[in-house]
Amino acid sequence: MIGSLLRRRRYRWIVGILLLAVGALAVLHTAFYQGYLRLNYPSLERYPVRGIDISHHQRQIDWPQLDSRQIHFVLIKASEGGDFRDPLFASNWQAAGRHGFIKGAYHFFTFCKSGLAQAENFIATVPVESGTLPPAIDLEYGANCQAPDAAALIREIGHFLQRVEAVYGKKAIIYATREFYDDHLQRRFPDNPVWIRDIYRQPNLPDAREWQFWQYANRGRVAGITTFVDLNVFRFSAAQLQALTAEQ
């Protein structure tokens, strides 16, 4: 009788613990999915220079609500592939400058268009303007065409970089997911600043290259933006970020 009672109590205790664990996991999952919890929390002391990257997916931004004490730079999607131009680029570009943010433009590079055609699309979209960050190329597998062989892909990326760098007078920033970097970019384009995406941990590139920008979260929440937004840090000082806007 006593043994049976103890077994029932033990069973209820185990079930209770399991239900609590399932509930806690559900709460954590919801918090992560909703952007209230993330895996990276870069030290503000170590990385005081912070920014966001945006596109039309962030919809209409309430620019006066963006806190310039917490957001120092804004990277804005301009174009994609050979003909797509972000419908909110022009208004975002103007608003970022008007509200005093250091700004830059980026192009989503597709694998099914030539590098030169994509460069011309970007050039037709982004004005040549002093005091802005170098143009950036976004290299990733997600939402992209099937990649050609590695040699052809690197050749087309090189064509894009050469053309936009000639127009804007600066070495372009290379944004890459960690997977794409590992597959294609190790020890390539060594003079271009690297903007690496790693939402799981602080990046440590396999070829020991020093990244300059780090996209550490893709579900950030910022006053003035109603959707999720990507969060970034710049590795060095505000003065060094400002120096990137100078002509090279």
C-alpha atoms as a PDB file:
ATOM      1  CA  MET A   1       0.000   0.000   0.000  1.00  0.00           C
ATOM      2  CA  ILE A   2       2.710   2.465   1.008  1.00  0.00           C
ATOM      3  CA  GLY A   3       4.867   1.415  -1.953  1.00  0.00           C
ATOM      4  CA  SER A   4       1.992   1.952  -4.353  1.00  0.00           C
ATOM      5  CA  LEU A   5       1.319   5.411  -2.897  1.00  0.00           C
ATOM      6  CA  LEU A   6       4.980   6.352  -3.225  1.00  0.00           C
ATOM      7  CA  ARG A   7       5.041   5.208  -6.844  1.00  0.00           C
ATOM      8  CA  ARG A   8       1.966   7.307  -7.655  1.00  0.00           C
ATOM      9  CA  ARG A   9       3.531  10.353  -6.001  1.00  0.00           C
ATOM     10  CA  ARG A  10       6.776   9.800  -7.878  1.00  0.00           C
ATOM     11  CA  TYR A  11       4.831   9.446 -11.134  1.00  0.00           C
ATOM     12  CA  ARG A  12       2.920  12.699 -10.511  1.00  0.00           C
ATOM     13  CA  TRP A  13       6.180  14.460  -9.609  1.00  0.00           C
ATOM     14  CA  ILE A  14       7.865  13.272 -12.838  1.00  0.00           C
ATOM     15  CA  VAL A  15       4.848  14.274 -14.926  1.00  0.00           C
ATOM     16  CA  GLY A  16       4.794  17.687 -13.247  1.00  0.00           C
ATOM     17  CA  ILE A  17       8.481  18.242 -13.963  1.00  0.00           C
ATOM     18  CA  LEU A  18       8.018  17.219 -17.596  1.00  0.00           C
ATOM     19  CA  LEU A  19       5.053  19.562 -18.012  1.00  0.00           C
ATOM     20  CA  LEU A  20       7.058  22.417 -16.497  1.00  0.00           C
ATOM     21  CA  ALA A  21       9.967  21.672 -18.842  1.00  0.00           C
ATOM     22  CA  VAL A  22       7.665  21.581 -21.883  1.00  0.00           C
ATOM     23  CA  GLY A  23       6.053  24.845 -20.791  1.00  0.00           C
ATOM     24  CA  ALA A  24       9.432  26.496 -20.282  1.00  0.00           C
ATOM     25  CA  LEU A  25      10.608  25.356 -23.719  1.00  0.00           C
ATOM     26  CA  ALA A  26       7.430  26.699 -25.287  1.00  0.00           C
ATOM     27  CA  VAL A  27       7.954  30.065 -23.610  1.00  0.00           C
ATOM     28  CA  LEU A  28      11.587  30.185 -24.736  1.00  0.00           C
ATOM     29  CA  HIS A  29      10.630  29.242 -28.293  1.00  0.00           C
ATOM     30  CA  THR A  30       7.971  31.942 -28.423  1.00  0.00           C
ATOM     31  CA  ALA A  31      10.336  34.538 -26.949  1.00  0.00           C
ATOM     32  CA  PHE A  32      12.997  33.639 -29.521  1.00  0.00           C
ATOM     33  CA  TYR A  33      10.562  33.619 -32.429  1.00  0.00           C
ATOM     34  CA  GLN A  34       9.077  36.954 -31.390  1.00  0.00           C
ATOM     35  CA  GLY A  35      12.503  38.576 -31.099  1.00  0.00           C
ATOM     36  CA  TYR A  36      12.561  39.024 -27.328  1.00  0.00           C
ATOM     37  CA  LEU A  37      15.294  36.440 -26.890  1.00  0.00           C
ATOM     38  CA  ARG A  38      18.317  35.802 -29.089  1.00  0.00           C
ATOM     39  CA  LEU A  39      21.571  33.884 -29.000  1.00  0.00           C
ATOM     40  CA  ASN A  40      23.986  36.822 -29.338  1.00  0.00           C
ATOM     41  CA  TYR A  41      24.292  39.767 -26.995  1.00  0.00           C
ATOM     42  CA  PRO A  42      27.493  41.559 -28.065  1.00  0.00           C
ATOM     43  CA  SER A  43      29.097  43.575 -25.300  1.00  0.00           C
ATOM     44  CA  LEU A  44      28.218  47.254 -25.549  1.00  0.00           C
ATOM     45  CA  GLU A  45      31.599  48.096 -24.056  1.00  0.00           C
ATOM     46  CA  ARG A  46      33.440  46.069 -26.680  1.00  0.00           C
ATOM     47  CA  TYR A  47      31.142  46.963 -29.601  1.00  0.00           C
ATOM     48  CA  PRO A  48      29.676  50.421 -28.967  1.00  0.00           C
ATOM     49  CA  VAL A  49      29.167  51.229 -32.680  1.00  0.00           C
ATOM     50  CA  ARG A  50      25.887  49.656 -33.776  1.00  0.00           C
ATOM     51  CA  GLY A  51      23.580  49.664 -36.738  1.00  0.00           C
ATOM     52  CA  ILE A  52      20.710  48.083 -38.614  1.00  0.00           C
ATOM     53  CA  ASP A  53      20.142  46.940 -42.174  1.00  0.00           C
ATOM     54  CA  ILE A  54      16.772  47.543 -43.794  1.00  0.00           C
ATOM     55  CA  SER A  55      14.724  47.041 -46.943  1.00  0.00           C
ATOM     56  CA  HIS A  56      11.102  47.367 -47.997  1.00  0.00           C
ATOM     57  CA  HIS A  57      10.398  44.403 -45.705  1.00  0.00           C
ATOM     58  CA  GLN A  58      10.626  46.843 -42.783  1.00  0.00           C
ATOM     59  CA  ARG A  59       7.773  48.822 -44.384  1.00  0.00           C
ATOM     60  CA  GLN A  60       7.460  52.515 -43.631  1.00  0.00           C
ATOM     61  CA  ILE A  61       9.926  53.434 -40.891  1.00  0.00           C
ATOM     62  CA  ASP A  62       9.136  56.106 -38.313  1.00  0.00           C
ATOM     63  CA  TRP A  63      12.569  57.702 -38.624  1.00  0.00           C
ATOM     64  CA  PRO A  64      12.219  60.258 -35.790  1.00  0.00           C
ATOM     65  CA  GLN A  65      11.691  57.309 -33.422  1.00  0.00           C
ATOM     66  CA  LEU A  66      15.044  55.697 -34.261  1.00  0.00           C
ATOM     67  CA  ASP A  67      17.460  56.393 -31.416  1.00  0.00           C
ATOM     68  CA  SER A  68      20.694  57.792 -32.855  1.00  0.00           C
ATOM     69  CA  ARG A  69      22.409  57.058 -29.526  1.00  0.00           C
ATOM     70  CA  GLN A  70      21.889  53.349 -30.131  1.00  0.00           C
ATOM     71  CA  ILE A  71      21.901  53.225 -33.932  1.00  0.00           C
ATOM     72  CA  HIS A  72      24.943  54.780 -35.598  1.00  0.00           C
ATOM     73  CA  PHE A  73      24.710  53.399 -39.121  1.00  0.00           C
ATOM     74  CA  VAL A  74      22.011  52.138 -41.477  1.00  0.00           C
ATOM     75  CA  LEU A  75      22.661  49.823 -44.418  1.00  0.00           C
ATOM     76  CA  ILE A  76      19.835  50.038 -46.962  1.00  0.00           C
ATOM     77  CA  LYS A  77      18.850  47.572 -49.655  1.00  0.00           C
ATOM     78  CA  ALA A  78      19.004  49.224 -53.057  1.00  0.00           C
ATOM     79  CA  SER A  79      18.711  46.484 -55.658  1.00  0.00           C
ATOM     80  CA  GLU A  80      18.662  42.798 -56.431  1.00  0.00           C
ATOM     81  CA  GLY A  81      19.710  40.849 -59.489  1.00  0.00           C
ATOM     82  CA  GLY A  82      19.624  42.519 -62.879  1.00  0.00           C
ATOM     83  CA  ASP A  83      16.451  44.574 -62.623  1.00  0.00           C
ATOM     84  CA  PHE A  84      14.817  44.673 -59.166  1.00  0.00           C
ATOM     85  CA  ARG A  85      15.060  47.963 -57.275  1.00  0.00           C
ATOM     86  CA  ASP A  86      13.829  48.213 -53.727  1.00  0.00           C
ATOM     87  CA  PRO A  87      10.687  50.384 -53.825  1.00  0.00           C
ATOM     88  CA  LEU A  88      11.555  52.115 -50.547  1.00  0.00           C
ATOM     89  CA  PHE A  89      15.251  52.656 -51.240  1.00  0.00           C
ATOM     90  CA  ALA A  90      15.016  56.300 -52.320  1.00  0.00           C
ATOM     91  CA  SER A  91      12.868  57.349 -49.369  1.00  0.00           C
ATOM     92  CA  ASN A  92      14.971  55.347 -46.877  1.00  0.00           C
ATOM     93  CA  TRP A  93      18.191  56.764 -48.343  1.00  0.00           C
ATOM     94  CA  GLN A  94      16.988  60.328 -48.029  1.00  0.00           C
ATOM     95  CA  ALA A  95      15.505  59.837 -44.562  1.00  0.00           C
ATOM     96  CA  ALA A  96      18.663  58.182 -43.177  1.00  0.00           C
ATOM     97  CA  GLY A  97      20.757  61.150 -44.262  1.00  0.00           C
ATOM     98  CA  ARG A  98      18.197  63.676 -43.087  1.00  0.00           C
ATOM     99  CA  HIS A  99      18.176  62.161 -39.597  1.00  0.00           C
ATOM    100  CA  GLY A 100      21.949  62.085 -39.292  1.00  0.00           C
ATOM    101  CA  PHE A 101      22.716  58.380 -39.656  1.00  0.00           C
ATOM    102  CA  ILE A 102      25.815  57.136 -41.428  1.00  0.00           C
ATOM    103  CA  LYS A 103      24.340  55.284 -44.373  1.00  0.00           C
ATOM    104  CA  GLY A 104      25.306  52.781 -47.014  1.00  0.00           C
ATOM    105  CA  ALA A 105      23.552  50.821 -49.763  1.00  0.00           C
ATOM    106  CA  TYR A 106      23.681  47.119 -50.554  1.00  0.00           C
ATOM    107  CA  HIS A 107      22.836  44.879 -53.488  1.00  0.00           C
ATOM    108  CA  PHE A 108      21.478  41.325 -53.205  1.00  0.00           C
ATOM    109  CA  PHE A 109      23.582  39.357 -55.668  1.00  0.00           C
ATOM    110  CA  THR A 110      21.750  36.635 -57.586  1.00  0.00           C
ATOM    111  CA  PHE A 111      23.528  33.679 -59.157  1.00  0.00           C
ATOM    112  CA  CYS A 112      21.498  33.745 -62.381  1.00  0.00           C
ATOM    113  CA  LYS A 113      22.505  37.192 -63.672  1.00  0.00           C
ATOM    114  CA  SER A 114      25.902  38.456 -64.754  1.00  0.00           C
ATOM    115  CA  GLY A 115      27.945  40.532 -62.362  1.00  0.00           C
ATOM    116  CA  LEU A 116      28.096  43.447 -64.789  1.00  0.00           C
ATOM    117  CA  ALA A 117      24.323  43.512 -65.318  1.00  0.00           C
ATOM    118  CA  GLN A 118      23.806  43.550 -61.553  1.00  0.00           C
ATOM    119  CA  ALA A 119      26.400  46.269 -61.085  1.00  0.00           C
ATOM    120  CA  GLU A 120      24.585  48.451 -63.615  1.00  0.00           C
ATOM    121  CA  ASN A 121      21.315  47.897 -61.772  1.00  0.00           C
ATOM    122  CA  PHE A 122      22.919  49.009 -58.511  1.00  0.00           C
ATOM    123  CA  ILE A 123      24.609  52.012 -60.119  1.00  0.00           C
ATOM    124  CA  ALA A 124      21.332  53.145 -61.657  1.00  0.00           C
ATOM    125  CA  THR A 125      19.697  52.967 -58.211  1.00  0.00           C
ATOM    126  CA  VAL A 126      22.259  54.439 -55.810  1.00  0.00           C
ATOM    127  CA  PRO A 127      23.515  58.009 -56.250  1.00  0.00           C
ATOM    128  CA  VAL A 128      27.200  58.760 -56.002  1.00  0.00           C
ATOM    129  CA  GLU A 129      27.210  60.750 -52.790  1.00  0.00           C
ATOM    130  CA  SER A 130      30.054  61.846 -50.541  1.00  0.00           C
ATOM    131  CA  GLY A 131      30.095  60.863 -46.886  1.00  0.00           C
ATOM    132  CA  THR A 132      28.467  57.450 -47.321  1.00  0.00           C
ATOM    133  CA  LEU A 133      29.707  53.961 -46.588  1.00  0.00           C
ATOM    134  CA  PRO A 134      31.137  51.894 -49.444  1.00  0.00           C
ATOM    135  CA  PRO A 135      28.659  49.931 -51.566  1.00  0.00           C
ATOM    136  CA  ALA A 136      27.964  46.436 -50.261  1.00  0.00           C
ATOM    137  CA  ILE A 137      27.275  43.153 -52.022  1.00  0.00           C
ATOM    138  CA  ASP A 138      25.038  40.593 -50.275  1.00  0.00           C
ATOM    139  CA  LEU A 139      26.187  37.017 -50.915  1.00  0.00           C
ATOM    140  CA  GLU A 140      24.052  34.151 -49.632  1.00  0.00           C
ATOM    141  CA  TYR A 141      22.293  30.989 -50.732  1.00  0.00           C
ATOM    142  CA  GLY A 142      18.881  31.809 -49.280  1.00  0.00           C
ATOM    143  CA  ALA A 143      16.191  32.948 -51.771  1.00  0.00           C
ATOM    144  CA  ASN A 144      18.701  32.660 -54.583  1.00  0.00           C
ATOM    145  CA  CYS A 145      19.117  30.840 -57.892  1.00  0.00           C
ATOM    146  CA  GLN A 146      21.104  27.646 -58.171  1.00  0.00           C
ATOM    147  CA  ALA A 147      24.757  28.557 -57.909  1.00  0.00           C
ATOM    148  CA  PRO A 148      26.985  27.953 -60.957  1.00  0.00           C
ATOM    149  CA  ASP A 149      30.344  26.312 -60.536  1.00  0.00           C
ATOM    150  CA  ALA A 150      32.598  28.060 -58.055  1.00  0.00           C
ATOM    151  CA  ALA A 151      34.979  29.535 -60.610  1.00  0.00           C
ATOM    152  CA  ALA A 152      32.148  31.126 -62.613  1.00  0.00           C
ATOM    153  CA  LEU A 153      30.512  32.487 -59.475  1.00  0.00           C
ATOM    154  CA  ILE A 154      33.707  34.106 -58.218  1.00  0.00           C
ATOM    155  CA  ARG A 155      34.349  35.562 -61.668  1.00  0.00           C
ATOM    156  CA  GLU A 156      30.907  37.240 -61.746  1.00  0.00           C
ATOM    157  CA  ILE A 157      31.313  38.555 -58.207  1.00  0.00           C
ATOM    158  CA  GLY A 158      34.651  40.007 -59.275  1.00  0.00           C
ATOM    159  CA  HIS A 159      33.025  41.738 -62.261  1.00  0.00           C
ATOM    160  CA  PHE A 160      30.426  43.301 -59.970  1.00  0.00           C
ATOM    161  CA  LEU A 161      33.028  44.517 -57.483  1.00  0.00           C
ATOM    162  CA  GLN A 162      35.316  45.954 -60.124  1.00  0.00           C
ATOM    163  CA  ARG A 163      32.512  47.940 -61.746  1.00  0.00           C
ATOM    164  CA  VAL A 164      30.928  49.415 -58.617  1.00  0.00           C
ATOM    165  CA  GLU A 165      34.302  50.212 -57.057  1.00  0.00           C
ATOM    166  CA  ALA A 166      35.266  52.171 -60.162  1.00  0.00           C
ATOM    167  CA  VAL A 167      32.065  54.235 -59.922  1.00  0.00           C
ATOM    168  CA  TYR A 168      31.962  54.852 -56.158  1.00  0.00           C
ATOM    169  CA  GLY A 169      35.691  55.086 -55.552  1.00  0.00           C
ATOM    170  CA  LYS A 170      35.741  52.693 -52.601  1.00  0.00           C
ATOM    171  CA  LYS A 171      36.446  49.026 -51.971  1.00  0.00           C
ATOM    172  CA  ALA A 172      33.042  47.407 -51.634  1.00  0.00           C
ATOM    173  CA  ILE A 173      31.899  45.725 -48.431  1.00  0.00           C
ATOM    174  CA  ILE A 174      31.283  41.988 -48.828  1.00  0.00           C
ATOM    175  CA  TYR A 175      28.338  40.691 -46.797  1.00  0.00           C
ATOM    176  CA  ALA A 176      28.148  36.921 -46.521  1.00  0.00           C
ATOM    177  CA  THR A 177      26.470  34.250 -44.498  1.00  0.00           C
ATOM    178  CA  ARG A 178      28.945  32.024 -42.709  1.00  0.00           C
ATOM    179  CA  GLU A 179      28.073  29.117 -45.021  1.00  0.00           C
ATOM    180  CA  PHE A 180      28.730  31.141 -48.160  1.00  0.00           C
ATOM    181  CA  TYR A 181      31.949  32.561 -46.752  1.00  0.00           C
ATOM    182  CA  ASP A 182      33.272  29.126 -45.874  1.00  0.00           C
ATOM    183  CA  ASP A 183      32.393  27.733 -49.298  1.00  0.00           C
ATOM    184  CA  HIS A 184      33.601  30.550 -51.559  1.00  0.00           C
ATOM    185  CA  LEU A 185      35.305  33.512 -49.923  1.00  0.00           C
ATOM    186  CA  GLN A 186      38.191  32.202 -47.886  1.00  0.00           C
ATOM    187  CA  ARG A 187      41.359  34.054 -48.947  1.00  0.00           C
ATOM    188  CA  ARG A 188      39.457  35.775 -51.789  1.00  0.00           C
ATOM    189  CA  PHE A 189      39.000  39.530 -52.291  1.00  0.00           C
ATOM    190  CA  PRO A 190      41.381  40.222 -49.374  1.00  0.00           C
ATOM    191  CA  ASP A 191      41.201  44.028 -49.667  1.00  0.00           C
ATOM    192  CA  ASN A 192      37.418  44.237 -49.236  1.00  0.00           C
ATOM    193  CA  PRO A 193      35.863  44.815 -45.807  1.00  0.00           C
ATOM    194  CA  VAL A 194      33.854  41.819 -44.581  1.00  0.00           C
ATOM    195  CA  TRP A 195      30.352  42.022 -43.137  1.00  0.00           C
ATOM    196  CA  ILE A 196      29.617  38.560 -41.764  1.00  0.00           C
ATOM    197  CA  ARG A 197      26.302  37.097 -40.678  1.00  0.00           C
ATOM    198  CA  ASP A 198      26.365  34.832 -37.640  1.00  0.00           C
ATOM    199  CA  ILE A 199      23.267  34.791 -35.454  1.00  0.00           C
ATOM    200  CA  TYR A 200      24.517  31.878 -33.336  1.00  0.00           C
ATOM    201  CA  ARG A 201      27.885  33.012 -32.010  1.00  0.00           C
ATOM    202  CA  GLN A 202      30.602  35.622 -32.373  1.00  0.00           C
ATOM    203  CA  PRO A 203      32.227  35.021 -35.769  1.00  0.00           C
ATOM    204  CA  ASN A 204      35.706  33.634 -36.086  1.00  0.00           C
ATOM    205  CA  LEU A 205      36.490  33.235 -39.777  1.00  0.00           C
ATOM    206  CA  PRO A 206      38.281  30.051 -40.820  1.00  0.00           C
ATOM    207  CA  ASP A 207      41.029  31.874 -42.710  1.00  0.00           C
ATOM    208  CA  ALA A 208      41.651  34.162 -39.704  1.00  0.00           C
ATOM    209  CA  ARG A 209      40.426  37.172 -41.682  1.00  0.00           C
ATOM    210  CA  GLU A 210      39.335  40.165 -39.624  1.00  0.00           C
ATOM    211  CA  TRP A 211      35.683  41.032 -40.182  1.00  0.00           C
ATOM    212  CA  GLN A 212      34.556  44.646 -39.822  1.00  0.00           C
ATOM    213  CA  PHE A 213      30.773  44.306 -39.564  1.00  0.00           C
ATOM    214  CA  TRP A 214      28.849  41.556 -37.793  1.00  0.00           C
ATOM    215  CA  GLN A 215      25.137  40.911 -38.294  1.00  0.00           C
ATOM    216  CA  TYR A 216      24.407  39.218 -34.995  1.00  0.00           C
ATOM    217  CA  ALA A 217      20.596  38.991 -34.987  1.00  0.00           C
ATOM    218  CA  ASN A 218      17.848  38.781 -37.577  1.00  0.00           C
ATOM    219  CA  ARG A 219      14.851  39.277 -35.292  1.00  0.00           C
ATOM    220  CA  GLY A 220      15.778  42.488 -33.559  1.00  0.00           C
ATOM    221  CA  ARG A 221      13.244  44.967 -32.290  1.00  0.00           C
ATOM    222  CA  VAL A 222      13.817  48.700 -32.627  1.00  0.00           C
ATOM    223  CA  ALA A 223      11.556  51.621 -31.762  1.00  0.00           C
ATOM    224  CA  GLY A 224      10.261  53.144 -34.983  1.00  0.00           C
ATOM    225  CA  ILE A 225      10.178  49.834 -36.900  1.00  0.00           C
ATOM    226  CA  THR A 226       7.103  47.630 -36.594  1.00  0.00           C
ATOM    227  CA  THR A 227       8.718  44.495 -38.051  1.00  0.00           C
ATOM    228  CA  PHE A 228      11.768  42.481 -37.117  1.00  0.00           C
ATOM    229  CA  VAL A 229      15.041  44.089 -38.187  1.00  0.00           C
ATOM    230  CA  ASP A 230      18.629  42.845 -38.539  1.00  0.00           C
ATOM    231  CA  LEU A 231      21.049  44.077 -35.866  1.00  0.00           C
ATOM    232  CA  ASN A 232      24.736  44.748 -36.514  1.00  0.00           C
ATOM    233  CA  VAL A 233      27.891  45.976 -34.861  1.00  0.00           C
ATOM    234  CA  PHE A 234      31.003  47.595 -36.289  1.00  0.00           C
ATOM    235  CA  ARG A 235      34.155  46.067 -34.905  1.00  0.00           C
ATOM    236  CA  PHE A 236      36.126  49.277 -34.480  1.00  0.00           C
ATOM    237  CA  SER A 237      35.613  52.857 -33.342  1.00  0.00           C
ATOM    238  CA  ALA A 238      33.149  55.470 -34.522  1.00  0.00           C
ATOM    239  CA  ALA A 239      36.086  57.392 -36.011  1.00  0.00           C
ATOM    240  CA  GLN A 240      37.111  54.330 -38.028  1.00  0.00           C
ATOM    241  CA  LEU A 241      33.548  53.895 -39.251  1.00  0.00           C
ATOM    242  CA  GLN A 242      33.527  57.527 -40.329  1.00  0.00           C
ATOM    243  CA  ALA A 243      36.813  56.948 -42.140  1.00  0.00           C
ATOM    244  CA  LEU A 244      35.110  54.322 -44.319  1.00  0.00           C
ATOM    245  CA  THR A 245      32.920  57.073 -45.753  1.00  0.00           C
ATOM    246  CA  ALA A 246      35.926  58.969 -47.112  1.00  0.00           C
ATOM    247  CA  GLU A 247      37.050  58.678 -50.715  1.00  0.00           C
ATOM    248  CA  GLN A 248      39.768  56.079 -51.213  1.00  0.00           C
END
